[in-house]
Amino acid sequence: MPATIRDVAKAAGVTIGTVSRALNNYSDVNCHTRERILRVAQELGYRPNQMARSLSSKHSKNIALVLSGFLEDTMLNDFETMLMKGIYQFAFEHGIDIAMYVINSRTQKEKSYEQLCYEHNIAGAILFGLKTNDPYCEALAASHRPCVTIDTEVRGPCISNVTLDDVTAFDELTQYLIDRGHRKIVLVHGRKNAMVSMERLVGAYQAFTRNGLTLTHDSIIYTNFLREEAVAGVGAYFRTHTPDSATAFLCMSDMLAIGTIEALKSLGYRVPDDYSVVGYDGLEVANYTDPKITTVDQNIKEKGYEAAHLLYDMLNGIRPAQKLVLPHTLVERESVKNLSELSN
């Protein structure tokens, strides 16, 4: 016999009304009580009638793609598009459906990860866009549902991570500029509390230190990975610095590199004749800018494909939770001037 709401209430040690209010996300239910009720309901296999009618047994292992901050970008970002292509390519090849849910830091506080999974019958999820201080990072660590995070590493027994060695890759990109005679390098930084930003910053510091250079706070332009913030940041930099204070801009993403080039052109400068610019990501659009942007290609589509593959294997007991580090490639194009050749 299917579990009833009365069974859930009894097992959770609460009233039927409390169970109903918890499942309908009423704010007057304590978060710990809500989590306990959701856990008990899941263990008993309880589903509200309206959900039971819409779900069949063949959908007992629903897979979700959860994107955090997706709607906060003011323009279409190739990164998410390429990532989704990889994820849905795997889904297509294996005949599985993956539903997409869009969240942000605020909605994570309003609806817990466990509740999101319970309401949509999610057995496992791929998560992208999480910040290190997001509520879901803590919730994932305590969850028993298999999940795969992309880039942001969260530790837990059921959590896998697909990522790049951002420290090594950004070290290599920084060294590329230094090897071409650039000593006055401005860093165009991404979101401060994003793990990828922290790791890329470490890579930059490593390369600077190894070459006897110092990366000062005055030489860092902070953004939230938004192109328009790079445009504004570069403009603000030159209002307080002389033109000879920099020869190159080291950007933490291709979109930031595009914004940097846009700002330099608006100020009457040429790339790479006056200033060199490098990006990071390997977005297709970086091959169509003027000039084409030298970048680190992290093969975003493969990252999405492997994330879906790993979650699928976890759900089917083929692979345990693990960290998967994918290779990167430095792609040399037209946006860097070799100052070493000029000095010889």
C-alpha atoms as a PDB file:
ATOM      1  CA  MET A   1       0.000   0.000   0.000  1.00  0.00           C
ATOM      2  CA  PRO A   2       1.385   3.447  -0.912  1.00  0.00           C
ATOM      3  CA  ALA A   3       2.536   5.657   1.945  1.00  0.00           C
ATOM      4  CA  THR A   4       0.091   8.345   3.041  1.00  0.00           C
ATOM      5  CA  ILE A   5       0.586  11.788   4.507  1.00  0.00           C
ATOM      6  CA  ARG A   6      -0.418  10.281   7.866  1.00  0.00           C
ATOM      7  CA  ASP A   7       2.500   7.798   7.588  1.00  0.00           C
ATOM      8  CA  VAL A   8       4.926  10.641   6.904  1.00  0.00           C
ATOM      9  CA  ALA A   9       3.621  12.658   9.864  1.00  0.00           C
ATOM     10  CA  LYS A  10       3.952   9.696  12.215  1.00  0.00           C
ATOM     11  CA  ALA A  11       7.477   8.799  11.079  1.00  0.00           C
ATOM     12  CA  ALA A  12       8.635  12.421  11.249  1.00  0.00           C
ATOM     13  CA  GLY A  13       7.018  13.016  14.633  1.00  0.00           C
ATOM     14  CA  VAL A  14       4.917  15.963  13.474  1.00  0.00           C
ATOM     15  CA  THR A  15       1.291  16.669  12.667  1.00  0.00           C
ATOM     16  CA  ILE A  16      -0.353  16.083   9.286  1.00  0.00           C
ATOM     17  CA  GLY A  17      -0.789  19.846   8.944  1.00  0.00           C
ATOM     18  CA  THR A  18       2.944  20.406   9.429  1.00  0.00           C
ATOM     19  CA  VAL A  19       3.728  17.845   6.740  1.00  0.00           C
ATOM     20  CA  SER A  20       1.331  19.562   4.340  1.00  0.00           C
ATOM     21  CA  ARG A  21       2.775  22.999   5.051  1.00  0.00           C
ATOM     22  CA  ALA A  22       6.346  21.751   4.685  1.00  0.00           C
ATOM     23  CA  LEU A  23       5.629  20.106   1.330  1.00  0.00           C
ATOM     24  CA  ASN A  24       3.944  23.292   0.104  1.00  0.00           C
ATOM     25  CA  ASN A  25       6.923  25.428   1.161  1.00  0.00           C
ATOM     26  CA  TYR A  26       5.183  27.524   3.836  1.00  0.00           C
ATOM     27  CA  SER A  27       7.672  29.875   5.474  1.00  0.00           C
ATOM     28  CA  ASP A  28       6.471  29.175   9.024  1.00  0.00           C
ATOM     29  CA  VAL A  29       7.950  25.656   9.000  1.00  0.00           C
ATOM     30  CA  ASN A  30      11.406  25.440  10.566  1.00  0.00           C
ATOM     31  CA  CYS A  31      14.050  24.599   7.942  1.00  0.00           C
ATOM     32  CA  HIS A  32      15.356  21.619   9.952  1.00  0.00           C
ATOM     33  CA  THR A  33      11.806  20.267  10.341  1.00  0.00           C
ATOM     34  CA  ARG A  34      11.161  20.714   6.616  1.00  0.00           C
ATOM     35  CA  GLU A  35      14.351  18.842   5.724  1.00  0.00           C
ATOM     36  CA  ARG A  36      13.396  15.991   8.088  1.00  0.00           C
ATOM     37  CA  ILE A  37       9.914  15.737   6.576  1.00  0.00           C
ATOM     38  CA  LEU A  38      11.308  15.730   3.034  1.00  0.00           C
ATOM     39  CA  ARG A  39      13.791  13.032   3.963  1.00  0.00           C
ATOM     40  CA  VAL A  40      11.116  10.858   5.582  1.00  0.00           C
ATOM     41  CA  ALA A  41       8.745  11.373   2.637  1.00  0.00           C
ATOM     42  CA  GLN A  42      11.474  10.303   0.252  1.00  0.00           C
ATOM     43  CA  GLU A  43      12.343   7.220   2.346  1.00  0.00           C
ATOM     44  CA  LEU A  44       8.688   6.166   2.474  1.00  0.00           C
ATOM     45  CA  GLY A  45       8.166   6.846  -1.214  1.00  0.00           C
ATOM     46  CA  TYR A  46       5.353   9.290  -0.470  1.00  0.00           C
ATOM     47  CA  ARG A  47       4.069  11.504  -3.272  1.00  0.00           C
ATOM     48  CA  PRO A  48       1.209  14.012  -3.094  1.00  0.00           C
ATOM     49  CA  ASN A  49      -1.734  12.888  -5.246  1.00  0.00           C
ATOM     50  CA  GLN A  50      -1.208  15.502  -7.956  1.00  0.00           C
ATOM     51  CA  MET A  51       2.404  14.473  -8.336  1.00  0.00           C
ATOM     52  CA  ALA A  52       1.614  10.755  -8.338  1.00  0.00           C
ATOM     53  CA  ARG A  53      -0.777  11.243 -11.235  1.00  0.00           C
ATOM     54  CA  SER A  54       1.839  13.022 -13.326  1.00  0.00           C
ATOM     55  CA  LEU A  55       4.792  10.730 -12.651  1.00  0.00           C
ATOM     56  CA  SER A  56       5.114   7.183 -13.914  1.00  0.00           C
ATOM     57  CA  SER A  57       7.514   4.538 -12.682  1.00  0.00           C
ATOM     58  CA  LYS A  58       9.712   4.850 -15.750  1.00  0.00           C
ATOM     59  CA  HIS A  59      10.588   8.386 -14.653  1.00  0.00           C
ATOM     60  CA  SER A  60      11.830   7.322 -11.232  1.00  0.00           C
ATOM     61  CA  LYS A  61      15.357   8.445 -12.092  1.00  0.00           C
ATOM     62  CA  ASN A  62      14.838  11.967 -13.406  1.00  0.00           C
ATOM     63  CA  ILE A  63      18.037  13.859 -14.145  1.00  0.00           C
ATOM     64  CA  ALA A  64      18.231  17.632 -13.830  1.00  0.00           C
ATOM     65  CA  LEU A  65      20.507  20.390 -15.059  1.00  0.00           C
ATOM     66  CA  VAL A  66      20.467  23.163 -12.453  1.00  0.00           C
ATOM     67  CA  LEU A  67      21.872  26.512 -13.621  1.00  0.00           C
ATOM     68  CA  SER A  68      22.544  29.173 -11.011  1.00  0.00           C
ATOM     69  CA  GLY A  69      22.742  32.813 -12.104  1.00  0.00           C
ATOM     70  CA  PHE A  70      21.807  32.020 -15.711  1.00  0.00           C
ATOM     71  CA  LEU A  71      19.310  34.903 -15.961  1.00  0.00           C
ATOM     72  CA  GLU A  72      21.690  37.424 -14.384  1.00  0.00           C
ATOM     73  CA  ASP A  73      23.788  37.754 -17.542  1.00  0.00           C
ATOM     74  CA  THR A  74      22.651  40.772 -19.525  1.00  0.00           C
ATOM     75  CA  MET A  75      23.683  39.193 -22.821  1.00  0.00           C
ATOM     76  CA  LEU A  76      23.797  35.668 -24.194  1.00  0.00           C
ATOM     77  CA  ASN A  77      26.916  33.864 -23.004  1.00  0.00           C
ATOM     78  CA  ASP A  78      28.347  31.221 -25.292  1.00  0.00           C
ATOM     79  CA  PHE A  79      29.677  29.314 -22.286  1.00  0.00           C
ATOM     80  CA  GLU A  80      26.289  28.080 -21.050  1.00  0.00           C
ATOM     81  CA  THR A  81      25.186  27.326 -24.602  1.00  0.00           C
ATOM     82  CA  MET A  82      28.232  25.151 -25.319  1.00  0.00           C
ATOM     83  CA  LEU A  83      27.940  23.472 -21.925  1.00  0.00           C
ATOM     84  CA  MET A  84      24.293  22.585 -22.553  1.00  0.00           C
ATOM     85  CA  LYS A  85      25.158  21.270 -26.014  1.00  0.00           C
ATOM     86  CA  GLY A  86      27.556  18.794 -24.461  1.00  0.00           C
ATOM     87  CA  ILE A  87      25.090  17.722 -21.770  1.00  0.00           C
ATOM     88  CA  TYR A  88      22.196  17.230 -24.160  1.00  0.00           C
ATOM     89  CA  GLN A  89      24.409  15.515 -26.732  1.00  0.00           C
ATOM     90  CA  PHE A  90      25.055  12.774 -24.167  1.00  0.00           C
ATOM     91  CA  ALA A  91      21.361  12.671 -23.273  1.00  0.00           C
ATOM     92  CA  PHE A  92      20.389  12.309 -26.948  1.00  0.00           C
ATOM     93  CA  GLU A  93      22.900   9.526 -27.551  1.00  0.00           C
ATOM     94  CA  HIS A  94      21.651   7.558 -24.543  1.00  0.00           C
ATOM     95  CA  GLY A  95      17.913   8.197 -24.909  1.00  0.00           C
ATOM     96  CA  ILE A  96      17.465  10.010 -21.604  1.00  0.00           C
ATOM     97  CA  ASP A  97      15.640  13.222 -20.697  1.00  0.00           C
ATOM     98  CA  ILE A  98      17.311  15.989 -18.719  1.00  0.00           C
ATOM     99  CA  ALA A  99      15.122  18.763 -17.336  1.00  0.00           C
ATOM    100  CA  MET A 100      16.604  22.226 -16.745  1.00  0.00           C
ATOM    101  CA  TYR A 101      15.942  24.408 -13.699  1.00  0.00           C
ATOM    102  CA  VAL A 102      17.186  27.985 -13.292  1.00  0.00           C
ATOM    103  CA  ILE A 103      18.005  29.283  -9.815  1.00  0.00           C
ATOM    104  CA  ASN A 104      20.084  32.009  -8.163  1.00  0.00           C
ATOM    105  CA  SER A 105      21.567  32.722  -4.742  1.00  0.00           C
ATOM    106  CA  ARG A 106      18.298  34.211  -3.476  1.00  0.00           C
ATOM    107  CA  THR A 107      16.042  31.363  -4.567  1.00  0.00           C
ATOM    108  CA  GLN A 108      18.462  28.877  -3.004  1.00  0.00           C
ATOM    109  CA  LYS A 109      17.536  30.391   0.355  1.00  0.00           C
ATOM    110  CA  GLU A 110      13.820  30.175  -0.382  1.00  0.00           C
ATOM    111  CA  LYS A 111      13.808  26.549  -1.578  1.00  0.00           C
ATOM    112  CA  SER A 112      16.337  24.017  -0.349  1.00  0.00           C
ATOM    113  CA  TYR A 113      18.157  21.631  -2.652  1.00  0.00           C
ATOM    114  CA  GLU A 114      16.347  18.658  -1.099  1.00  0.00           C
ATOM    115  CA  GLN A 115      12.983  20.320  -1.675  1.00  0.00           C
ATOM    116  CA  LEU A 116      13.814  21.105  -5.304  1.00  0.00           C
ATOM    117  CA  CYS A 117      14.739  17.462  -5.861  1.00  0.00           C
ATOM    118  CA  TYR A 118      11.676  16.174  -4.017  1.00  0.00           C
ATOM    119  CA  GLU A 119       9.180  18.367  -5.869  1.00  0.00           C
ATOM    120  CA  HIS A 120      10.532  17.377  -9.278  1.00  0.00           C
ATOM    121  CA  ASN A 121      11.384  13.749  -8.445  1.00  0.00           C
ATOM    122  CA  ILE A 122      15.058  14.357  -9.195  1.00  0.00           C
ATOM    123  CA  ALA A 123      17.368  11.399  -8.604  1.00  0.00           C
ATOM    124  CA  GLY A 124      20.550  13.185  -9.667  1.00  0.00           C
ATOM    125  CA  ALA A 125      21.611  16.636 -10.849  1.00  0.00           C
ATOM    126  CA  ILE A 126      24.294  18.480 -12.771  1.00  0.00           C
ATOM    127  CA  LEU A 127      24.910  21.894 -11.216  1.00  0.00           C
ATOM    128  CA  PHE A 128      26.694  24.855 -12.770  1.00  0.00           C
ATOM    129  CA  GLY A 129      27.157  28.465 -11.712  1.00  0.00           C
ATOM    130  CA  LEU A 130      27.349  27.894  -7.953  1.00  0.00           C
ATOM    131  CA  LYS A 131      29.332  30.384  -5.916  1.00  0.00           C
ATOM    132  CA  THR A 132      31.390  29.132  -2.987  1.00  0.00           C
ATOM    133  CA  ASN A 133      29.102  30.852  -0.452  1.00  0.00           C
ATOM    134  CA  ASP A 134      25.814  29.644  -1.998  1.00  0.00           C
ATOM    135  CA  PRO A 135      23.405  27.710   0.289  1.00  0.00           C
ATOM    136  CA  TYR A 136      23.353  24.763  -2.111  1.00  0.00           C
ATOM    137  CA  CYS A 137      27.086  24.152  -1.609  1.00  0.00           C
ATOM    138  CA  GLU A 138      26.452  23.209   2.020  1.00  0.00           C
ATOM    139  CA  ALA A 139      23.253  21.338   1.140  1.00  0.00           C
ATOM    140  CA  LEU A 140      24.967  19.196  -1.508  1.00  0.00           C
ATOM    141  CA  ALA A 141      27.570  18.004   0.984  1.00  0.00           C
ATOM    142  CA  ALA A 142      24.814  16.622   3.237  1.00  0.00           C
ATOM    143  CA  SER A 143      22.682  15.142   0.447  1.00  0.00           C
ATOM    144  CA  HIS A 144      22.624  11.460  -0.491  1.00  0.00           C
ATOM    145  CA  ARG A 145      21.496  12.168  -4.062  1.00  0.00           C
ATOM    146  CA  PRO A 146      24.248  11.724  -6.674  1.00  0.00           C
ATOM    147  CA  CYS A 147      25.233  14.991  -8.313  1.00  0.00           C
ATOM    148  CA  VAL A 148      27.975  16.468 -10.474  1.00  0.00           C
ATOM    149  CA  THR A 149      29.167  20.038 -10.080  1.00  0.00           C
ATOM    150  CA  ILE A 150      30.901  21.796 -12.947  1.00  0.00           C
ATOM    151  CA  ASP A 151      33.932  23.913 -11.935  1.00  0.00           C
ATOM    152  CA  THR A 152      32.852  24.655  -8.349  1.00  0.00           C
ATOM    153  CA  GLU A 153      34.166  21.766  -6.253  1.00  0.00           C
ATOM    154  CA  VAL A 154      31.977  20.706  -3.325  1.00  0.00           C
ATOM    155  CA  ARG A 155      33.128  17.819  -1.162  1.00  0.00           C
ATOM    156  CA  GLY A 156      30.730  15.059  -0.187  1.00  0.00           C
ATOM    157  CA  PRO A 157      30.254  11.287  -0.514  1.00  0.00           C
ATOM    158  CA  CYS A 158      27.830  11.580  -3.434  1.00  0.00           C
ATOM    159  CA  ILE A 159      29.349  14.565  -5.243  1.00  0.00           C
ATOM    160  CA  SER A 160      31.493  14.437  -8.369  1.00  0.00           C
ATOM    161  CA  ASN A 161      33.218  17.412  -9.961  1.00  0.00           C
ATOM    162  CA  VAL A 162      34.164  18.030 -13.578  1.00  0.00           C
ATOM    163  CA  THR A 163      36.666  20.800 -13.955  1.00  0.00           C
ATOM    164  CA  LEU A 164      39.867  22.105 -15.462  1.00  0.00           C
ATOM    165  CA  ASP A 165      43.200  22.631 -13.734  1.00  0.00           C
ATOM    166  CA  ASP A 166      42.562  26.380 -13.666  1.00  0.00           C
ATOM    167  CA  VAL A 167      45.710  27.123 -11.662  1.00  0.00           C
ATOM    168  CA  THR A 168      48.005  25.483 -14.218  1.00  0.00           C
ATOM    169  CA  ALA A 169      46.089  26.795 -17.232  1.00  0.00           C
ATOM    170  CA  PHE A 170      46.083  30.413 -16.040  1.00  0.00           C
ATOM    171  CA  ASP A 171      49.744  30.137 -15.016  1.00  0.00           C
ATOM    172  CA  GLU A 172      50.476  29.030 -18.589  1.00  0.00           C
ATOM    173  CA  LEU A 173      48.462  31.915 -20.050  1.00  0.00           C
ATOM    174  CA  THR A 174      50.251  34.438 -17.831  1.00  0.00           C
ATOM    175  CA  GLN A 175      53.630  32.962 -18.733  1.00  0.00           C
ATOM    176  CA  TYR A 176      52.702  33.284 -22.410  1.00  0.00           C
ATOM    177  CA  LEU A 177      52.466  37.078 -21.990  1.00  0.00           C
ATOM    178  CA  ILE A 178      55.659  37.268 -19.940  1.00  0.00           C
ATOM    179  CA  ASP A 179      57.600  35.214 -22.502  1.00  0.00           C
ATOM    180  CA  ARG A 180      56.603  37.791 -25.102  1.00  0.00           C
ATOM    181  CA  GLY A 181      58.179  40.624 -23.163  1.00  0.00           C
ATOM    182  CA  HIS A 182      55.169  41.867 -21.187  1.00  0.00           C
ATOM    183  CA  ARG A 183      56.008  43.026 -17.670  1.00  0.00           C
ATOM    184  CA  LYS A 184      53.246  45.564 -17.089  1.00  0.00           C
ATOM    185  CA  ILE A 185      50.207  43.310 -16.989  1.00  0.00           C
ATOM    186  CA  VAL A 186      46.741  44.303 -15.783  1.00  0.00           C
ATOM    187  CA  LEU A 187      44.523  41.452 -14.561  1.00  0.00           C
ATOM    188  CA  VAL A 188      40.819  41.639 -15.445  1.00  0.00           C
ATOM    189  CA  HIS A 189      39.373  39.550 -12.610  1.00  0.00           C
ATOM    190  CA  GLY A 190      36.138  37.545 -12.553  1.00  0.00           C
ATOM    191  CA  ARG A 191      33.615  37.169  -9.725  1.00  0.00           C
ATOM    192  CA  LYS A 192      35.487  37.320  -6.402  1.00  0.00           C
ATOM    193  CA  ASN A 193      33.697  34.422  -4.701  1.00  0.00           C
ATOM    194  CA  ALA A 194      33.777  32.131  -7.734  1.00  0.00           C
ATOM    195  CA  MET A 195      36.136  29.193  -7.261  1.00  0.00           C
ATOM    196  CA  VAL A 196      37.446  29.489 -10.837  1.00  0.00           C
ATOM    197  CA  SER A 197      38.426  33.118 -10.182  1.00  0.00           C
ATOM    198  CA  MET A 198      40.309  32.151  -7.027  1.00  0.00           C
ATOM    199  CA  GLU A 199      42.180  29.369  -8.800  1.00  0.00           C
ATOM    200  CA  ARG A 200      43.057  31.499 -11.833  1.00  0.00           C
ATOM    201  CA  LEU A 201      44.335  34.214  -9.511  1.00  0.00           C
ATOM    202  CA  VAL A 202      46.649  31.671  -7.874  1.00  0.00           C
ATOM    203  CA  GLY A 203      47.948  30.746 -11.336  1.00  0.00           C
ATOM    204  CA  ALA A 204      48.649  34.399 -12.152  1.00  0.00           C
ATOM    205  CA  TYR A 205      50.482  34.920  -8.855  1.00  0.00           C
ATOM    206  CA  GLN A 206      52.581  31.805  -9.471  1.00  0.00           C
ATOM    207  CA  ALA A 207      53.754  33.042 -12.870  1.00  0.00           C
ATOM    208  CA  PHE A 208      54.409  36.579 -11.598  1.00  0.00           C
ATOM    209  CA  THR A 209      56.452  35.348  -8.633  1.00  0.00           C
ATOM    210  CA  ARG A 210      58.441  32.855 -10.705  1.00  0.00           C
ATOM    211  CA  ASN A 211      59.492  35.690 -13.038  1.00  0.00           C
ATOM    212  CA  GLY A 212      60.326  38.195 -10.307  1.00  0.00           C
ATOM    213  CA  LEU A 213      57.226  40.310 -10.951  1.00  0.00           C
ATOM    214  CA  THR A 214      54.635  41.669  -8.523  1.00  0.00           C
ATOM    215  CA  LEU A 215      50.889  41.678  -9.140  1.00  0.00           C
ATOM    216  CA  THR A 216      49.592  44.616  -7.131  1.00  0.00           C
ATOM    217  CA  HIS A 217      46.003  45.314  -6.125  1.00  0.00           C
ATOM    218  CA  ASP A 218      46.232  48.487  -8.214  1.00  0.00           C
ATOM    219  CA  SER A 219      46.712  46.324 -11.309  1.00  0.00           C
ATOM    220  CA  ILE A 220      43.527  44.267 -10.859  1.00  0.00           C
ATOM    221  CA  ILE A 221      40.172  45.229 -12.366  1.00  0.00           C
ATOM    222  CA  TYR A 222      37.334  43.404 -10.572  1.00  0.00           C
ATOM    223  CA  THR A 223      34.180  42.317 -12.404  1.00  0.00           C
ATOM    224  CA  ASN A 224      31.400  39.731 -12.121  1.00  0.00           C
ATOM    225  CA  PHE A 225      32.437  38.116 -15.429  1.00  0.00           C
ATOM    226  CA  LEU A 226      30.234  40.627 -17.282  1.00  0.00           C
ATOM    227  CA  ARG A 227      31.484  42.172 -20.520  1.00  0.00           C
ATOM    228  CA  GLU A 228      30.056  45.598 -19.705  1.00  0.00           C
ATOM    229  CA  GLU A 229      31.893  45.623 -16.368  1.00  0.00           C
ATOM    230  CA  ALA A 230      35.169  45.021 -18.225  1.00  0.00           C
ATOM    231  CA  VAL A 231      34.351  47.955 -20.497  1.00  0.00           C
ATOM    232  CA  ALA A 232      33.699  50.202 -17.489  1.00  0.00           C
ATOM    233  CA  GLY A 233      36.659  48.844 -15.521  1.00  0.00           C
ATOM    234  CA  VAL A 234      39.219  49.439 -18.261  1.00  0.00           C
ATOM    235  CA  GLY A 235      37.862  52.952 -18.773  1.00  0.00           C
ATOM    236  CA  ALA A 236      38.171  53.642 -15.044  1.00  0.00           C
ATOM    237  CA  TYR A 237      41.716  52.220 -15.019  1.00  0.00           C
ATOM    238  CA  PHE A 238      42.965  54.738 -17.587  1.00  0.00           C
ATOM    239  CA  ARG A 239      41.362  57.629 -15.737  1.00  0.00           C
ATOM    240  CA  THR A 240      43.795  56.993 -12.872  1.00  0.00           C
ATOM    241  CA  HIS A 241      46.779  55.492 -14.730  1.00  0.00           C
ATOM    242  CA  THR A 242      49.053  56.716 -17.503  1.00  0.00           C
ATOM    243  CA  PRO A 243      48.991  54.950 -20.894  1.00  0.00           C
ATOM    244  CA  ASP A 244      52.475  53.477 -20.300  1.00  0.00           C
ATOM    245  CA  SER A 245      51.421  51.792 -17.035  1.00  0.00           C
ATOM    246  CA  ALA A 246      50.367  48.645 -18.936  1.00  0.00           C
ATOM    247  CA  THR A 247      51.245  46.714 -22.071  1.00  0.00           C
ATOM    248  CA  ALA A 248      48.842  43.782 -21.706  1.00  0.00           C
ATOM    249  CA  PHE A 249      45.489  42.812 -20.191  1.00  0.00           C
ATOM    250  CA  LEU A 250      45.165  39.310 -18.758  1.00  0.00           C
ATOM    251  CA  CYS A 251      41.450  38.434 -18.702  1.00  0.00           C
ATOM    252  CA  MET A 252      39.793  35.622 -16.747  1.00  0.00           C
ATOM    253  CA  SER A 253      37.250  34.932 -19.504  1.00  0.00           C
ATOM    254  CA  ASP A 254      36.738  35.527 -23.202  1.00  0.00           C
ATOM    255  CA  MET A 255      33.746  37.776 -22.521  1.00  0.00           C
ATOM    256  CA  LEU A 256      35.973  39.957 -20.328  1.00  0.00           C
ATOM    257  CA  ALA A 257      38.568  40.029 -23.117  1.00  0.00           C
ATOM    258  CA  ILE A 258      35.871  41.150 -25.579  1.00  0.00           C
ATOM    259  CA  GLY A 259      34.836  43.922 -23.170  1.00  0.00           C
ATOM    260  CA  THR A 260      38.467  44.952 -22.679  1.00  0.00           C
ATOM    261  CA  ILE A 261      39.076  45.231 -26.424  1.00  0.00           C
ATOM    262  CA  GLU A 262      35.861  47.215 -26.795  1.00  0.00           C
ATOM    263  CA  ALA A 263      37.012  49.659 -24.106  1.00  0.00           C
ATOM    264  CA  LEU A 264      40.500  50.035 -25.603  1.00  0.00           C
ATOM    265  CA  LYS A 265      39.085  50.755 -29.047  1.00  0.00           C
ATOM    266  CA  SER A 266      36.686  53.353 -27.619  1.00  0.00           C
ATOM    267  CA  LEU A 267      39.710  55.109 -26.101  1.00  0.00           C
ATOM    268  CA  GLY A 268      41.436  55.195 -29.484  1.00  0.00           C
ATOM    269  CA  TYR A 269      43.894  52.352 -28.842  1.00  0.00           C
ATOM    270  CA  ARG A 270      44.651  49.432 -31.141  1.00  0.00           C
ATOM    271  CA  VAL A 271      44.943  45.758 -30.209  1.00  0.00           C
ATOM    272  CA  PRO A 272      47.583  44.374 -30.317  1.00  0.00           C
ATOM    273  CA  ASP A 273      49.627  47.361 -31.591  1.00  0.00           C
ATOM    274  CA  ASP A 274      49.105  49.448 -28.448  1.00  0.00           C
ATOM    275  CA  TYR A 275      47.946  46.824 -25.934  1.00  0.00           C
ATOM    276  CA  SER A 276      47.812  43.037 -25.950  1.00  0.00           C
ATOM    277  CA  VAL A 277      44.771  41.125 -24.634  1.00  0.00           C
ATOM    278  CA  VAL A 278      44.280  37.445 -23.788  1.00  0.00           C
ATOM    279  CA  GLY A 279      41.112  35.625 -22.772  1.00  0.00           C
ATOM    280  CA  TYR A 280      40.121  32.331 -21.235  1.00  0.00           C
ATOM    281  CA  ASP A 281      37.396  29.763 -22.092  1.00  0.00           C
ATOM    282  CA  GLY A 282      37.642  29.034 -25.789  1.00  0.00           C
ATOM    283  CA  LEU A 283      34.303  30.555 -26.765  1.00  0.00           C
ATOM    284  CA  GLU A 284      33.533  30.333 -30.476  1.00  0.00           C
ATOM    285  CA  VAL A 285      32.949  34.099 -30.586  1.00  0.00           C
ATOM    286  CA  ALA A 286      36.615  34.738 -29.688  1.00  0.00           C
ATOM    287  CA  ASN A 287      37.527  33.461 -33.145  1.00  0.00           C
ATOM    288  CA  TYR A 288      35.358  36.112 -34.821  1.00  0.00           C
ATOM    289  CA  THR A 289      36.444  39.250 -32.968  1.00  0.00           C
ATOM    290  CA  ASP A 290      38.810  41.837 -34.414  1.00  0.00           C
ATOM    291  CA  PRO A 291      41.478  40.822 -33.653  1.00  0.00           C
ATOM    292  CA  LYS A 292      40.891  37.136 -32.950  1.00  0.00           C
ATOM    293  CA  ILE A 293      41.611  36.521 -29.278  1.00  0.00           C
ATOM    294  CA  THR A 294      44.434  34.357 -27.923  1.00  0.00           C
ATOM    295  CA  THR A 295      42.813  32.205 -25.234  1.00  0.00           C
ATOM    296  CA  VAL A 296      42.814  29.022 -23.195  1.00  0.00           C
ATOM    297  CA  ASP A 297      40.344  26.583 -24.726  1.00  0.00           C
ATOM    298  CA  GLN A 298      38.826  24.489 -21.951  1.00  0.00           C
ATOM    299  CA  ASN A 299      36.642  22.511 -24.391  1.00  0.00           C
ATOM    300  CA  ILE A 300      33.377  23.531 -22.774  1.00  0.00           C
ATOM    301  CA  LYS A 301      31.203  21.156 -24.780  1.00  0.00           C
ATOM    302  CA  GLU A 302      33.302  18.191 -23.626  1.00  0.00           C
ATOM    303  CA  LYS A 303      32.997  19.419 -20.051  1.00  0.00           C
ATOM    304  CA  GLY A 304      29.196  19.275 -20.317  1.00  0.00           C
ATOM    305  CA  TYR A 305      29.264  15.888 -22.053  1.00  0.00           C
ATOM    306  CA  GLU A 306      31.536  14.341 -19.425  1.00  0.00           C
ATOM    307  CA  ALA A 307      29.454  15.786 -16.572  1.00  0.00           C
ATOM    308  CA  ALA A 308      26.328  14.086 -17.952  1.00  0.00           C
ATOM    309  CA  HIS A 309      28.256  10.869 -18.591  1.00  0.00           C
ATOM    310  CA  LEU A 310      29.624  10.816 -15.039  1.00  0.00           C
ATOM    311  CA  LEU A 311      26.225  11.426 -13.433  1.00  0.00           C
ATOM    312  CA  TYR A 312      24.660   8.714 -15.590  1.00  0.00           C
ATOM    313  CA  ASP A 313      27.348   6.247 -14.470  1.00  0.00           C
ATOM    314  CA  MET A 314      26.915   7.213 -10.809  1.00  0.00           C
ATOM    315  CA  LEU A 315      23.158   6.651 -10.950  1.00  0.00           C
ATOM    316  CA  ASN A 316      23.711   3.238 -12.498  1.00  0.00           C
ATOM    317  CA  GLY A 317      26.468   2.140 -10.112  1.00  0.00           C
ATOM    318  CA  ILE A 318      29.171   2.118 -12.787  1.00  0.00           C
ATOM    319  CA  ARG A 319      31.477   4.802 -11.344  1.00  0.00           C
ATOM    320  CA  PRO A 320      31.788   6.213  -7.815  1.00  0.00           C
ATOM    321  CA  ALA A 321      31.874   9.932  -6.994  1.00  0.00           C
ATOM    322  CA  GLN A 322      35.138  11.429  -8.234  1.00  0.00           C
ATOM    323  CA  LYS A 323      36.917  14.529  -9.490  1.00  0.00           C
ATOM    324  CA  LEU A 324      37.445  14.577 -13.246  1.00  0.00           C
ATOM    325  CA  VAL A 325      40.048  17.048 -14.536  1.00  0.00           C
ATOM    326  CA  LEU A 326      39.881  17.680 -18.282  1.00  0.00           C
ATOM    327  CA  PRO A 327      42.791  18.889 -20.460  1.00  0.00           C
ATOM    328  CA  HIS A 328      43.136  22.443 -21.783  1.00  0.00           C
ATOM    329  CA  THR A 329      44.778  23.999 -24.837  1.00  0.00           C
ATOM    330  CA  LEU A 330      46.378  27.421 -25.263  1.00  0.00           C
ATOM    331  CA  VAL A 331      45.148  28.764 -28.603  1.00  0.00           C
ATOM    332  CA  GLU A 332      47.395  31.444 -30.113  1.00  0.00           C
ATOM    333  CA  ARG A 333      45.634  33.926 -32.354  1.00  0.00           C
ATOM    334  CA  GLU A 334      46.148  37.639 -33.151  1.00  0.00           C
ATOM    335  CA  SER A 335      45.638  39.668 -29.952  1.00  0.00           C
ATOM    336  CA  VAL A 336      49.182  39.618 -28.496  1.00  0.00           C
ATOM    337  CA  LYS A 337      52.167  41.670 -29.616  1.00  0.00           C
ATOM    338  CA  ASN A 338      55.611  40.109 -29.084  1.00  0.00           C
ATOM    339  CA  LEU A 339      57.621  42.843 -27.357  1.00  0.00           C
ATOM    340  CA  SER A 340      60.680  40.560 -27.059  1.00  0.00           C
ATOM    341  CA  GLU A 341      61.140  40.620 -30.828  1.00  0.00           C
ATOM    342  CA  LEU A 342      61.135  44.435 -30.795  1.00  0.00           C
ATOM    343  CA  SER A 343      63.873  44.616 -28.166  1.00  0.00           C
ATOM    344  CA  ASN A 344      66.226  42.260 -30.063  1.00  0.00           C
END
